[in-house]
Amino acid sequence: MQKTSLLKALAVASIAVAAPSIAVAQEGESPFSWGFGAALTTDFISRGITQTDHGIALQGWGEVGLYDFYVNVWASNVDLPPDDIEIDLAVGWRPTLGPVGLDIGYVRYFYPDSGLSLGEIYLKAGADVSERVHIGGAFFIDPDSSATYVEGNASVALPHDFGISGAVGFVDGSTDWTVWNVGAFWTWNDKVTIDVRYWDSTLTPGTCPGIAADSCDARVVGTISFAY
């Protein structure tokens, strides 16, 4: 597969996942907000396909916001020759509609070594259905190729700052597939999270759009992340 087609297949709004929600400023509070974070993961997997040839990835992000609007930058090492770094830039709006939190925006993925870039429009929604259970969904579309990604996800908070979560997604593009993940996590002081997650998909070595035949293999991935 050509590099451009591969990047379209792999594109994922990592920013939208990594960044915390920005709440509307209450009366007397500053309308400005900011945040940053970093993560170390054993494998950078995007929609069921490794971006690092099943190698370790170091990632970081930063965000500034005004009321419900935000600008976010996210970066990670990758192994997508000739590219060894991915930089994502997103702008968006996070309004609240009753109990539902929305995230509407546009993300652009840059690969400096090859000079390639592509973008997606995204819409995410999430709500707490109880004190411990959260459900959500997401829709991404590449306006240039009309390729789409739809996801449903849920998480359950457990005692002692543990939790479990999972997601199922559907890719509709030059290649169609279903991807899912399930895992457990533990958070310390609302800032540091350790996550262990199993990834799999309906892709096979014969249909995998990755760099190598094993790029779509099922994997258990461990991640430690920090967010402030």
C-alpha atoms as a PDB file:
ATOM      1  CA  MET A   1       0.000   0.000   0.000  1.00  0.00           C
ATOM      2  CA  GLN A   2       1.248   3.507  -0.796  1.00  0.00           C
ATOM      3  CA  LYS A   3       2.225   5.677   2.148  1.00  0.00           C
ATOM      4  CA  THR A   4      -0.596   8.198   1.582  1.00  0.00           C
ATOM      5  CA  SER A   5      -3.251   5.479   1.606  1.00  0.00           C
ATOM      6  CA  LEU A   6      -1.679   3.892   4.684  1.00  0.00           C
ATOM      7  CA  LEU A   7      -1.771   7.161   6.620  1.00  0.00           C
ATOM      8  CA  LYS A   8      -5.438   7.644   5.741  1.00  0.00           C
ATOM      9  CA  ALA A   9      -6.158   4.174   7.048  1.00  0.00           C
ATOM     10  CA  LEU A  10      -4.222   4.751  10.252  1.00  0.00           C
ATOM     11  CA  ALA A  11      -5.248   8.316  11.093  1.00  0.00           C
ATOM     12  CA  VAL A  12      -6.730   8.706  14.572  1.00  0.00           C
ATOM     13  CA  ALA A  13      -7.562  11.774  16.649  1.00  0.00           C
ATOM     14  CA  SER A  14      -5.187  11.009  19.485  1.00  0.00           C
ATOM     15  CA  ILE A  15      -5.558  14.533  20.713  1.00  0.00           C
ATOM     16  CA  ALA A  16      -9.255  14.120  21.333  1.00  0.00           C
ATOM     17  CA  VAL A  17      -8.499  11.093  23.493  1.00  0.00           C
ATOM     18  CA  ALA A  18      -5.534  12.464  25.418  1.00  0.00           C
ATOM     19  CA  ALA A  19      -6.776  15.888  26.400  1.00  0.00           C
ATOM     20  CA  PRO A  20      -9.060  16.539  29.385  1.00  0.00           C
ATOM     21  CA  SER A  21     -12.396  18.234  28.935  1.00  0.00           C
ATOM     22  CA  ILE A  22     -12.450  21.973  29.505  1.00  0.00           C
ATOM     23  CA  ALA A  23     -15.305  23.080  31.695  1.00  0.00           C
ATOM     24  CA  VAL A  24     -17.167  26.341  31.184  1.00  0.00           C
ATOM     25  CA  ALA A  25     -15.775  28.957  33.524  1.00  0.00           C
ATOM     26  CA  GLN A  26     -18.061  29.716  36.448  1.00  0.00           C
ATOM     27  CA  GLU A  27     -18.788  33.277  37.544  1.00  0.00           C
ATOM     28  CA  GLY A  28     -15.629  34.794  39.001  1.00  0.00           C
ATOM     29  CA  GLU A  29     -13.356  32.182  37.424  1.00  0.00           C
ATOM     30  CA  SER A  30     -10.935  32.808  34.565  1.00  0.00           C
ATOM     31  CA  PRO A  31     -12.285  31.821  31.138  1.00  0.00           C
ATOM     32  CA  PHE A  32      -8.803  30.573  30.214  1.00  0.00           C
ATOM     33  CA  SER A  33      -7.594  27.025  30.818  1.00  0.00           C
ATOM     34  CA  TRP A  34      -4.572  24.931  29.998  1.00  0.00           C
ATOM     35  CA  GLY A  35      -3.210  21.424  30.401  1.00  0.00           C
ATOM     36  CA  PHE A  36      -0.351  19.163  29.397  1.00  0.00           C
ATOM     37  CA  GLY A  37       0.666  15.541  29.690  1.00  0.00           C
ATOM     38  CA  ALA A  38       2.904  12.716  28.546  1.00  0.00           C
ATOM     39  CA  ALA A  39       2.708   8.954  28.072  1.00  0.00           C
ATOM     40  CA  LEU A  40       5.056   6.008  27.628  1.00  0.00           C
ATOM     41  CA  THR A  41       3.472   3.031  25.875  1.00  0.00           C
ATOM     42  CA  THR A  42       4.764  -0.363  24.759  1.00  0.00           C
ATOM     43  CA  ASP A  43       3.054   0.005  21.357  1.00  0.00           C
ATOM     44  CA  PHE A  44       1.357   2.934  19.616  1.00  0.00           C
ATOM     45  CA  ILE A  45      -1.735   1.276  18.127  1.00  0.00           C
ATOM     46  CA  SER A  46      -4.177   3.264  16.010  1.00  0.00           C
ATOM     47  CA  ARG A  47      -7.451   1.596  15.059  1.00  0.00           C
ATOM     48  CA  GLY A  48      -5.895  -1.837  15.420  1.00  0.00           C
ATOM     49  CA  ILE A  49      -2.675  -1.083  13.493  1.00  0.00           C
ATOM     50  CA  THR A  50       0.721  -0.437  15.077  1.00  0.00           C
ATOM     51  CA  GLN A  51       2.378   2.893  14.272  1.00  0.00           C
ATOM     52  CA  THR A  52       5.719   1.919  15.822  1.00  0.00           C
ATOM     53  CA  ASP A  53       6.309  -1.571  14.383  1.00  0.00           C
ATOM     54  CA  HIS A  54       5.223  -2.896  17.799  1.00  0.00           C
ATOM     55  CA  GLY A  55       7.895  -0.769  19.485  1.00  0.00           C
ATOM     56  CA  ILE A  56       7.795   1.668  22.406  1.00  0.00           C
ATOM     57  CA  ALA A  57       6.364   5.171  21.924  1.00  0.00           C
ATOM     58  CA  LEU A  58       6.928   8.350  23.916  1.00  0.00           C
ATOM     59  CA  GLN A  59       4.081  10.825  23.520  1.00  0.00           C
ATOM     60  CA  GLY A  60       3.248  14.290  24.775  1.00  0.00           C
ATOM     61  CA  TRP A  61       0.524  16.886  24.452  1.00  0.00           C
ATOM     62  CA  GLY A  62      -0.420  20.409  25.465  1.00  0.00           C
ATOM     63  CA  GLU A  63      -3.647  22.395  25.318  1.00  0.00           C
ATOM     64  CA  VAL A  64      -4.933  25.913  25.861  1.00  0.00           C
ATOM     65  CA  GLY A  65      -8.607  26.844  26.030  1.00  0.00           C
ATOM     66  CA  LEU A  66     -10.961  29.791  26.195  1.00  0.00           C
ATOM     67  CA  TYR A  67     -14.411  28.978  27.583  1.00  0.00           C
ATOM     68  CA  ASP A  68     -15.441  25.826  25.639  1.00  0.00           C
ATOM     69  CA  PHE A  69     -12.960  26.329  22.784  1.00  0.00           C
ATOM     70  CA  TYR A  70      -9.479  24.810  22.649  1.00  0.00           C
ATOM     71  CA  VAL A  71      -6.300  24.343  20.627  1.00  0.00           C
ATOM     72  CA  ASN A  72      -4.324  21.160  21.206  1.00  0.00           C
ATOM     73  CA  VAL A  73      -1.001  19.790  19.974  1.00  0.00           C
ATOM     74  CA  TRP A  74       0.041  16.127  20.351  1.00  0.00           C
ATOM     75  CA  ALA A  75       3.189  14.299  19.200  1.00  0.00           C
ATOM     76  CA  SER A  76       4.597  10.774  19.159  1.00  0.00           C
ATOM     77  CA  ASN A  77       7.443   8.845  17.640  1.00  0.00           C
ATOM     78  CA  VAL A  78       6.359   6.469  14.851  1.00  0.00           C
ATOM     79  CA  ASP A  79       7.988   3.887  12.598  1.00  0.00           C
ATOM     80  CA  LEU A  80       6.384   4.654   9.222  1.00  0.00           C
ATOM     81  CA  PRO A  81       9.389   5.031   6.892  1.00  0.00           C
ATOM     82  CA  PRO A  82      10.579   7.625   6.123  1.00  0.00           C
ATOM     83  CA  ASP A  83       8.656   9.196   9.015  1.00  0.00           C
ATOM     84  CA  ASP A  84       9.757   8.791  12.610  1.00  0.00           C
ATOM     85  CA  ILE A  85       7.483  11.417  14.195  1.00  0.00           C
ATOM     86  CA  GLU A  86       3.799  12.352  14.012  1.00  0.00           C
ATOM     87  CA  ILE A  87       2.517  15.761  15.095  1.00  0.00           C
ATOM     88  CA  ASP A  88      -1.226  16.395  15.442  1.00  0.00           C
ATOM     89  CA  LEU A  89      -2.817  19.825  15.712  1.00  0.00           C
ATOM     90  CA  ALA A  90      -6.485  20.129  16.693  1.00  0.00           C
ATOM     91  CA  VAL A  91      -8.965  22.944  17.227  1.00  0.00           C
ATOM     92  CA  GLY A  92     -12.359  22.293  18.737  1.00  0.00           C
ATOM     93  CA  TRP A  93     -15.366  23.152  20.858  1.00  0.00           C
ATOM     94  CA  ARG A  94     -16.599  21.233  23.911  1.00  0.00           C
ATOM     95  CA  PRO A  95     -20.142  22.329  24.781  1.00  0.00           C
ATOM     96  CA  THR A  96     -22.426  20.592  27.269  1.00  0.00           C
ATOM     97  CA  LEU A  97     -25.978  19.650  26.354  1.00  0.00           C
ATOM     98  CA  GLY A  98     -27.756  18.612  29.530  1.00  0.00           C
ATOM     99  CA  PRO A  99     -25.979  15.493  30.849  1.00  0.00           C
ATOM    100  CA  VAL A 100     -24.089  14.994  27.562  1.00  0.00           C
ATOM    101  CA  GLY A 101     -20.629  16.413  26.938  1.00  0.00           C
ATOM    102  CA  LEU A 102     -19.779  17.061  23.288  1.00  0.00           C
ATOM    103  CA  ASP A 103     -16.437  17.541  21.524  1.00  0.00           C
ATOM    104  CA  ILE A 104     -16.578  18.919  17.973  1.00  0.00           C
ATOM    105  CA  GLY A 105     -13.412  19.734  16.082  1.00  0.00           C
ATOM    106  CA  TYR A 106     -10.873  19.260  13.335  1.00  0.00           C
ATOM    107  CA  VAL A 107      -7.491  17.543  13.661  1.00  0.00           C
ATOM    108  CA  ARG A 108      -4.609  17.665  11.198  1.00  0.00           C
ATOM    109  CA  TYR A 109      -1.915  14.955  11.206  1.00  0.00           C
ATOM    110  CA  PHE A 110       1.574  16.013  10.093  1.00  0.00           C
ATOM    111  CA  TYR A 111       4.480  13.738   9.112  1.00  0.00           C
ATOM    112  CA  PRO A 112       7.467  16.121   8.734  1.00  0.00           C
ATOM    113  CA  ASP A 113       9.978  13.744   7.111  1.00  0.00           C
ATOM    114  CA  SER A 114       7.760  12.855   4.151  1.00  0.00           C
ATOM    115  CA  GLY A 115       5.867  16.153   4.140  1.00  0.00           C
ATOM    116  CA  LEU A 116       2.527  14.322   4.150  1.00  0.00           C
ATOM    117  CA  SER A 117      -0.496  15.552   6.100  1.00  0.00           C
ATOM    118  CA  LEU A 118      -4.179  14.713   6.322  1.00  0.00           C
ATOM    119  CA  GLY A 119      -7.103  15.733   8.460  1.00  0.00           C
ATOM    120  CA  GLU A 120     -10.352  14.585  10.034  1.00  0.00           C
ATOM    121  CA  ILE A 121     -13.472  16.266  11.344  1.00  0.00           C
ATOM    122  CA  TYR A 122     -14.680  14.656  14.556  1.00  0.00           C
ATOM    123  CA  LEU A 123     -17.711  14.590  16.812  1.00  0.00           C
ATOM    124  CA  LYS A 124     -17.535  12.916  20.216  1.00  0.00           C
ATOM    125  CA  ALA A 125     -20.202  12.565  22.899  1.00  0.00           C
ATOM    126  CA  GLY A 126     -20.138  11.139  26.394  1.00  0.00           C
ATOM    127  CA  ALA A 127     -22.350  10.926  29.473  1.00  0.00           C
ATOM    128  CA  ASP A 128     -22.347   9.456  32.963  1.00  0.00           C
ATOM    129  CA  VAL A 129     -25.193   6.969  33.239  1.00  0.00           C
ATOM    130  CA  SER A 130     -24.470   6.446  36.935  1.00  0.00           C
ATOM    131  CA  GLU A 131     -21.905   7.493  39.517  1.00  0.00           C
ATOM    132  CA  ARG A 132     -19.469   4.873  38.201  1.00  0.00           C
ATOM    133  CA  VAL A 133     -20.477   4.157  34.584  1.00  0.00           C
ATOM    134  CA  HIS A 134     -19.623   6.368  31.616  1.00  0.00           C
ATOM    135  CA  ILE A 135     -20.598   5.722  27.992  1.00  0.00           C
ATOM    136  CA  GLY A 136     -19.498   7.510  24.851  1.00  0.00           C
ATOM    137  CA  GLY A 137     -19.332   7.513  21.096  1.00  0.00           C
ATOM    138  CA  ALA A 138     -17.311   9.139  18.346  1.00  0.00           C
ATOM    139  CA  PHE A 139     -17.492   9.812  14.620  1.00  0.00           C
ATOM    140  CA  PHE A 140     -14.518  10.822  12.449  1.00  0.00           C
ATOM    141  CA  ILE A 141     -14.511  11.641   8.720  1.00  0.00           C
ATOM    142  CA  ASP A 142     -11.702  12.535   6.338  1.00  0.00           C
ATOM    143  CA  PRO A 143     -13.252  15.245   4.116  1.00  0.00           C
ATOM    144  CA  ASP A 144     -10.798  14.467   1.295  1.00  0.00           C
ATOM    145  CA  SER A 145     -11.383  10.709   0.990  1.00  0.00           C
ATOM    146  CA  SER A 146     -14.767  10.409   2.821  1.00  0.00           C
ATOM    147  CA  ALA A 147     -13.246   7.565   4.898  1.00  0.00           C
ATOM    148  CA  THR A 148     -15.004   7.290   8.272  1.00  0.00           C
ATOM    149  CA  TYR A 149     -14.450   5.812  11.709  1.00  0.00           C
ATOM    150  CA  VAL A 150     -17.302   5.206  14.178  1.00  0.00           C
ATOM    151  CA  GLU A 151     -16.716   4.112  17.776  1.00  0.00           C
ATOM    152  CA  GLY A 152     -18.700   3.229  20.880  1.00  0.00           C
ATOM    153  CA  ASN A 153     -16.988   3.048  24.260  1.00  0.00           C
ATOM    154  CA  ALA A 154     -17.699   2.592  27.955  1.00  0.00           C
ATOM    155  CA  SER A 155     -15.825   2.711  31.247  1.00  0.00           C
ATOM    156  CA  VAL A 156     -16.638   1.574  34.774  1.00  0.00           C
ATOM    157  CA  ALA A 157     -14.978   3.037  37.857  1.00  0.00           C
ATOM    158  CA  LEU A 158     -14.051   0.459  40.504  1.00  0.00           C
ATOM    159  CA  PRO A 159     -13.017   0.887  44.143  1.00  0.00           C
ATOM    160  CA  HIS A 160      -9.521   2.107  45.081  1.00  0.00           C
ATOM    161  CA  ASP A 161      -9.099   4.159  41.870  1.00  0.00           C
ATOM    162  CA  PHE A 162      -9.218   1.124  39.566  1.00  0.00           C
ATOM    163  CA  GLY A 163     -11.404   0.888  36.478  1.00  0.00           C
ATOM    164  CA  ILE A 164     -12.183  -1.085  33.343  1.00  0.00           C
ATOM    165  CA  SER A 165     -12.995   0.191  29.874  1.00  0.00           C
ATOM    166  CA  GLY A 166     -13.473  -0.935  26.315  1.00  0.00           C
ATOM    167  CA  ALA A 167     -14.361   0.239  22.830  1.00  0.00           C
ATOM    168  CA  VAL A 168     -15.563  -1.112  19.491  1.00  0.00           C
ATOM    169  CA  GLY A 169     -14.929   0.787  16.269  1.00  0.00           C
ATOM    170  CA  PHE A 170     -15.721   0.427  12.560  1.00  0.00           C
ATOM    171  CA  VAL A 171     -13.475   1.735   9.771  1.00  0.00           C
ATOM    172  CA  ASP A 172     -15.089   2.424   6.377  1.00  0.00           C
ATOM    173  CA  GLY A 173     -12.516   3.358   3.743  1.00  0.00           C
ATOM    174  CA  SER A 174     -10.391   1.759   1.050  1.00  0.00           C
ATOM    175  CA  THR A 175     -10.290  -1.215   3.455  1.00  0.00           C
ATOM    176  CA  ASP A 176     -13.109  -1.899   5.940  1.00  0.00           C
ATOM    177  CA  TRP A 177     -12.602  -3.505   9.333  1.00  0.00           C
ATOM    178  CA  THR A 178     -13.783  -3.704  12.921  1.00  0.00           C
ATOM    179  CA  VAL A 179     -11.444  -3.018  15.825  1.00  0.00           C
ATOM    180  CA  TRP A 180     -11.903  -3.422  19.569  1.00  0.00           C
ATOM    181  CA  ASN A 181     -10.004  -3.055  22.807  1.00  0.00           C
ATOM    182  CA  VAL A 182     -10.623  -3.865  26.468  1.00  0.00           C
ATOM    183  CA  GLY A 183      -8.471  -3.109  29.466  1.00  0.00           C
ATOM    184  CA  ALA A 184      -8.041  -2.172  33.096  1.00  0.00           C
ATOM    185  CA  PHE A 185      -6.464   0.910  34.603  1.00  0.00           C
ATOM    186  CA  TRP A 186      -5.430   2.460  37.905  1.00  0.00           C
ATOM    187  CA  THR A 187      -5.148   6.200  38.554  1.00  0.00           C
ATOM    188  CA  TRP A 188      -3.064   7.863  41.254  1.00  0.00           C
ATOM    189  CA  ASN A 189      -3.932  11.335  42.509  1.00  0.00           C
ATOM    190  CA  ASP A 190      -6.051  12.028  39.383  1.00  0.00           C
ATOM    191  CA  LYS A 191      -2.823  12.611  37.438  1.00  0.00           C
ATOM    192  CA  VAL A 192      -0.919   9.372  36.820  1.00  0.00           C
ATOM    193  CA  THR A 193      -2.617   6.403  35.136  1.00  0.00           C
ATOM    194  CA  ILE A 194      -1.334   2.891  34.476  1.00  0.00           C
ATOM    195  CA  ASP A 195      -3.306   1.073  31.763  1.00  0.00           C
ATOM    196  CA  VAL A 196      -3.070  -2.502  30.433  1.00  0.00           C
ATOM    197  CA  ARG A 197      -5.147  -3.118  27.296  1.00  0.00           C
ATOM    198  CA  TYR A 198      -5.808  -5.861  24.746  1.00  0.00           C
ATOM    199  CA  TRP A 199      -6.222  -4.782  21.099  1.00  0.00           C
ATOM    200  CA  ASP A 200      -7.591  -6.876  18.239  1.00  0.00           C
ATOM    201  CA  SER A 201      -9.423  -6.468  14.919  1.00  0.00           C
ATOM    202  CA  THR A 202     -10.903  -8.348  11.984  1.00  0.00           C
ATOM    203  CA  LEU A 203      -7.798  -7.559   9.909  1.00  0.00           C
ATOM    204  CA  THR A 204      -5.632 -10.470   8.801  1.00  0.00           C
ATOM    205  CA  PRO A 205      -2.067 -10.545   7.388  1.00  0.00           C
ATOM    206  CA  GLY A 206      -3.633 -10.600   3.922  1.00  0.00           C
ATOM    207  CA  THR A 207      -5.875  -7.557   4.492  1.00  0.00           C
ATOM    208  CA  CYS A 208      -3.721  -5.525   6.915  1.00  0.00           C
ATOM    209  CA  PRO A 209      -2.968  -2.054   5.462  1.00  0.00           C
ATOM    210  CA  GLY A 210       0.065  -1.668   7.735  1.00  0.00           C
ATOM    211  CA  ILE A 211       3.738  -1.485   6.838  1.00  0.00           C
ATOM    212  CA  ALA A 212       4.316  -5.181   7.630  1.00  0.00           C
ATOM    213  CA  ALA A 213       2.188  -8.338   7.598  1.00  0.00           C
ATOM    214  CA  ASP A 214       2.165  -8.459  11.413  1.00  0.00           C
ATOM    215  CA  SER A 215       1.234  -4.766  11.827  1.00  0.00           C
ATOM    216  CA  CYS A 216      -2.359  -5.768  12.642  1.00  0.00           C
ATOM    217  CA  ASP A 217      -1.568  -8.589  15.069  1.00  0.00           C
ATOM    218  CA  ALA A 218      -3.501  -8.679  18.339  1.00  0.00           C
ATOM    219  CA  ARG A 219      -1.472  -7.181  21.185  1.00  0.00           C
ATOM    220  CA  VAL A 220      -1.500  -6.486  24.909  1.00  0.00           C
ATOM    221  CA  VAL A 221      -0.290  -2.924  25.432  1.00  0.00           C
ATOM    222  CA  GLY A 222       0.880  -1.322  28.661  1.00  0.00           C
ATOM    223  CA  THR A 223       0.844   2.464  29.111  1.00  0.00           C
ATOM    224  CA  ILE A 224       1.794   4.857  31.890  1.00  0.00           C
ATOM    225  CA  SER A 225       0.567   8.423  31.431  1.00  0.00           C
ATOM    226  CA  PHE A 226       0.617  11.736  33.251  1.00  0.00           C
ATOM    227  CA  ALA A 227      -1.862  14.596  32.814  1.00  0.00           C
ATOM    228  CA  TYR A 228      -2.027  17.945  34.555  1.00  0.00           C
END
